[in-house]
Amino acid sequence: MSDASTFRPTPGEPHLSGQELARIVGGDLVVPGTLPIRGGAVDSRRVTAGVCFFALPGERTDGQRYLAQAV
């Protein structure tokens, strides 16, 4: 079942390091991680090991409010 709030590639697909992702999106890597990034989520409740949380502003709330939950 697919969920628009989470992206997880299928096994065998490439993954990124935090440093590579920061470079691609023009961001700054504040704390380097040890796990490769294998997916992304905009819902902090869906973050697991290897899933990057994107704290985006929404209509009702701002993802930055949930940064602590995503770590």
N, C-alpha and C. Protein backbone atom coordinates (compact mmCIF):
# COMPACT_ATOMS: atom_id res chain seq x y z
N MET A 1 0.84 -1.18 0.00
CA MET A 1 0.00 0.00 0.00
C MET A 1 0.88 1.24 0.00
N SER A 2 0.62 2.16 -0.87
CA SER A 2 1.42 3.36 -1.01
C SER A 2 0.82 4.48 -0.17
N ASP A 3 1.68 5.29 0.40
CA ASP A 3 1.25 6.42 1.22
C ASP A 3 2.02 7.64 0.74
N ALA A 4 1.33 8.70 0.39
CA ALA A 4 1.98 9.90 -0.14
C ALA A 4 2.89 10.58 0.87
N SER A 5 2.74 10.28 2.16
CA SER A 5 3.58 10.93 3.16
C SER A 5 4.92 10.24 3.35
N THR A 6 5.12 9.10 2.72
CA THR A 6 6.36 8.34 2.87
C THR A 6 6.82 7.81 1.53
N PHE A 7 8.12 7.90 1.28
CA PHE A 7 8.71 7.33 0.07
C PHE A 7 9.78 6.34 0.50
N ARG A 8 9.64 5.11 0.06
CA ARG A 8 10.65 4.09 0.33
C ARG A 8 10.92 3.35 -0.96
N PRO A 9 12.17 3.39 -1.44
CA PRO A 9 12.47 2.67 -2.67
C PRO A 9 12.44 1.16 -2.45
N THR A 10 12.33 0.44 -3.52
CA THR A 10 12.34 -1.01 -3.43
C THR A 10 13.76 -1.50 -3.18
N PRO A 11 13.93 -2.70 -2.61
CA PRO A 11 15.27 -3.22 -2.34
C PRO A 11 16.13 -3.21 -3.59
N GLY A 12 17.39 -2.87 -3.41
CA GLY A 12 18.33 -2.84 -4.51
C GLY A 12 18.46 -1.47 -5.16
N GLU A 13 17.54 -0.55 -4.86
CA GLU A 13 17.65 0.79 -5.42
C GLU A 13 18.76 1.55 -4.71
N PRO A 14 19.33 2.54 -5.39
CA PRO A 14 20.42 3.30 -4.78
C PRO A 14 19.95 4.09 -3.55
N HIS A 15 20.89 4.45 -2.73
CA HIS A 15 20.60 5.27 -1.56
C HIS A 15 21.60 6.42 -1.53
N LEU A 16 21.37 7.38 -0.66
CA LEU A 16 22.22 8.57 -0.55
C LEU A 16 22.79 8.69 0.85
N SER A 17 23.90 9.38 0.94
CA SER A 17 24.41 9.77 2.25
C SER A 17 23.77 11.12 2.58
N GLY A 18 23.80 11.49 3.84
CA GLY A 18 23.28 12.79 4.23
C GLY A 18 24.01 13.92 3.52
N GLN A 19 25.30 13.75 3.34
CA GLN A 19 26.12 14.75 2.66
C GLN A 19 25.69 14.91 1.20
N GLU A 20 25.42 13.79 0.53
CA GLU A 20 24.97 13.85 -0.87
C GLU A 20 23.61 14.54 -0.98
N LEU A 21 22.69 14.21 -0.08
CA LEU A 21 21.37 14.82 -0.11
C LEU A 21 21.46 16.33 0.13
N ALA A 22 22.27 16.74 1.10
CA ALA A 22 22.44 18.17 1.39
C ALA A 22 22.98 18.90 0.16
N ARG A 23 23.92 18.30 -0.52
CA ARG A 23 24.49 18.92 -1.73
C ARG A 23 23.42 19.04 -2.82
N ILE A 24 22.64 18.00 -3.03
CA ILE A 24 21.62 17.99 -4.08
C ILE A 24 20.56 19.07 -3.85
N VAL A 25 20.12 19.23 -2.61
CA VAL A 25 19.04 20.19 -2.32
C VAL A 25 19.57 21.57 -1.94
N GLY A 26 20.89 21.73 -1.91
CA GLY A 26 21.47 23.03 -1.58
C GLY A 26 21.36 23.37 -0.11
N GLY A 27 21.34 22.35 0.73
CA GLY A 27 21.21 22.56 2.17
C GLY A 27 22.53 22.36 2.90
N ASP A 28 22.46 22.48 4.20
CA ASP A 28 23.63 22.28 5.05
C ASP A 28 23.41 21.05 5.91
N LEU A 29 24.40 20.19 5.96
CA LEU A 29 24.35 19.01 6.82
C LEU A 29 24.84 19.44 8.19
N VAL A 30 23.95 19.43 9.16
CA VAL A 30 24.29 19.90 10.51
C VAL A 30 24.98 18.81 11.31
N VAL A 31 24.42 17.61 11.28
CA VAL A 31 24.99 16.47 11.99
C VAL A 31 25.05 15.29 11.02
N PRO A 32 26.25 14.81 10.73
CA PRO A 32 26.33 13.67 9.81
C PRO A 32 25.77 12.40 10.45
N GLY A 33 25.02 11.65 9.68
CA GLY A 33 24.47 10.39 10.16
C GLY A 33 25.35 9.23 9.76
N THR A 34 25.04 8.07 10.28
CA THR A 34 25.82 6.88 9.96
C THR A 34 25.08 5.94 9.02
N LEU A 35 23.75 6.11 8.90
CA LEU A 35 22.96 5.24 8.02
C LEU A 35 22.75 5.90 6.67
N PRO A 36 22.73 5.11 5.59
CA PRO A 36 22.37 5.69 4.30
C PRO A 36 20.89 6.05 4.28
N ILE A 37 20.55 7.07 3.51
CA ILE A 37 19.15 7.48 3.37
C ILE A 37 18.52 6.63 2.29
N ARG A 38 17.51 5.89 2.67
CA ARG A 38 16.85 4.97 1.75
C ARG A 38 15.41 5.36 1.45
N GLY A 39 14.97 6.48 2.01
CA GLY A 39 13.61 6.94 1.77
C GLY A 39 13.38 8.28 2.45
N GLY A 40 12.19 8.83 2.30
CA GLY A 40 11.87 10.11 2.89
C GLY A 40 10.43 10.13 3.38
N ALA A 41 10.16 11.02 4.34
CA ALA A 41 8.81 11.15 4.89
C ALA A 41 8.55 12.60 5.27
N VAL A 42 7.30 13.03 5.13
CA VAL A 42 6.88 14.34 5.61
C VAL A 42 6.01 14.21 6.85
N ASP A 43 5.80 12.99 7.30
CA ASP A 43 5.04 12.70 8.52
C ASP A 43 6.02 12.09 9.52
N SER A 44 6.29 12.79 10.62
CA SER A 44 7.30 12.33 11.59
C SER A 44 6.96 10.97 12.18
N ARG A 45 5.69 10.59 12.18
CA ARG A 45 5.29 9.29 12.73
C ARG A 45 5.70 8.13 11.83
N ARG A 46 6.10 8.43 10.60
CA ARG A 46 6.48 7.40 9.64
C ARG A 46 7.99 7.25 9.49
N VAL A 47 8.75 7.98 10.28
CA VAL A 47 10.20 7.94 10.18
C VAL A 47 10.75 6.71 10.90
N THR A 48 11.57 5.96 10.19
CA THR A 48 12.27 4.81 10.75
C THR A 48 13.73 4.94 10.34
N ALA A 49 14.56 4.02 10.77
CA ALA A 49 15.98 4.06 10.44
C ALA A 49 16.16 4.11 8.92
N GLY A 50 16.94 5.08 8.45
CA GLY A 50 17.21 5.22 7.03
C GLY A 50 16.21 6.07 6.27
N VAL A 51 15.19 6.60 6.97
CA VAL A 51 14.19 7.46 6.33
C VAL A 51 14.44 8.90 6.77
N CYS A 52 14.60 9.79 5.82
CA CYS A 52 14.86 11.21 6.09
C CYS A 52 13.54 11.95 6.27
N PHE A 53 13.46 12.76 7.33
CA PHE A 53 12.25 13.56 7.59
C PHE A 53 12.41 14.92 6.95
N PHE A 54 11.43 15.31 6.14
CA PHE A 54 11.41 16.62 5.50
C PHE A 54 10.37 17.47 6.24
N ALA A 55 10.84 18.46 7.01
CA ALA A 55 9.96 19.29 7.83
C ALA A 55 9.40 20.43 6.98
N LEU A 56 8.28 20.18 6.32
CA LEU A 56 7.67 21.14 5.42
C LEU A 56 6.52 21.88 6.09
N PRO A 57 6.30 23.14 5.70
CA PRO A 57 5.12 23.84 6.21
C PRO A 57 3.87 23.30 5.54
N GLY A 58 2.80 23.20 6.30
CA GLY A 58 1.54 22.69 5.76
C GLY A 58 0.41 23.67 5.98
N GLU A 59 -0.79 23.28 5.62
CA GLU A 59 -1.96 24.15 5.78
C GLU A 59 -2.33 24.33 7.25
N ARG A 60 -2.16 23.27 8.05
CA ARG A 60 -2.58 23.32 9.45
C ARG A 60 -1.43 23.41 10.45
N THR A 61 -0.26 22.95 10.06
CA THR A 61 0.88 22.95 10.98
C THR A 61 2.17 23.02 10.18
N ASP A 62 3.27 23.18 10.88
CA ASP A 62 4.59 23.25 10.25
C ASP A 62 5.39 22.04 10.69
N GLY A 63 5.99 21.35 9.75
CA GLY A 63 6.77 20.16 10.05
C GLY A 63 7.88 20.39 11.06
N GLN A 64 8.35 21.63 11.18
CA GLN A 64 9.42 21.92 12.14
C GLN A 64 8.97 21.66 13.58
N ARG A 65 7.68 21.69 13.83
CA ARG A 65 7.17 21.41 15.18
C ARG A 65 7.42 19.96 15.58
N TYR A 66 7.68 19.09 14.61
CA TYR A 66 7.80 17.66 14.86
C TYR A 66 9.22 17.13 14.67
N LEU A 67 10.19 18.03 14.62
CA LEU A 67 11.58 17.59 14.43
C LEU A 67 12.04 16.65 15.53
N ALA A 68 11.72 16.95 16.78
CA ALA A 68 12.16 16.10 17.89
C ALA A 68 11.58 14.69 17.79
N GLN A 69 10.35 14.57 17.32
CA GLN A 69 9.72 13.25 17.17
C GLN A 69 10.39 12.43 16.09
N ALA A 70 10.91 13.10 15.08
CA ALA A 70 11.48 12.41 13.93
C ALA A 70 12.88 11.88 14.18
N VAL A 71 13.53 12.37 15.20
CA VAL A 71 14.93 11.97 15.47
C VAL A 71 14.97 10.63 16.17
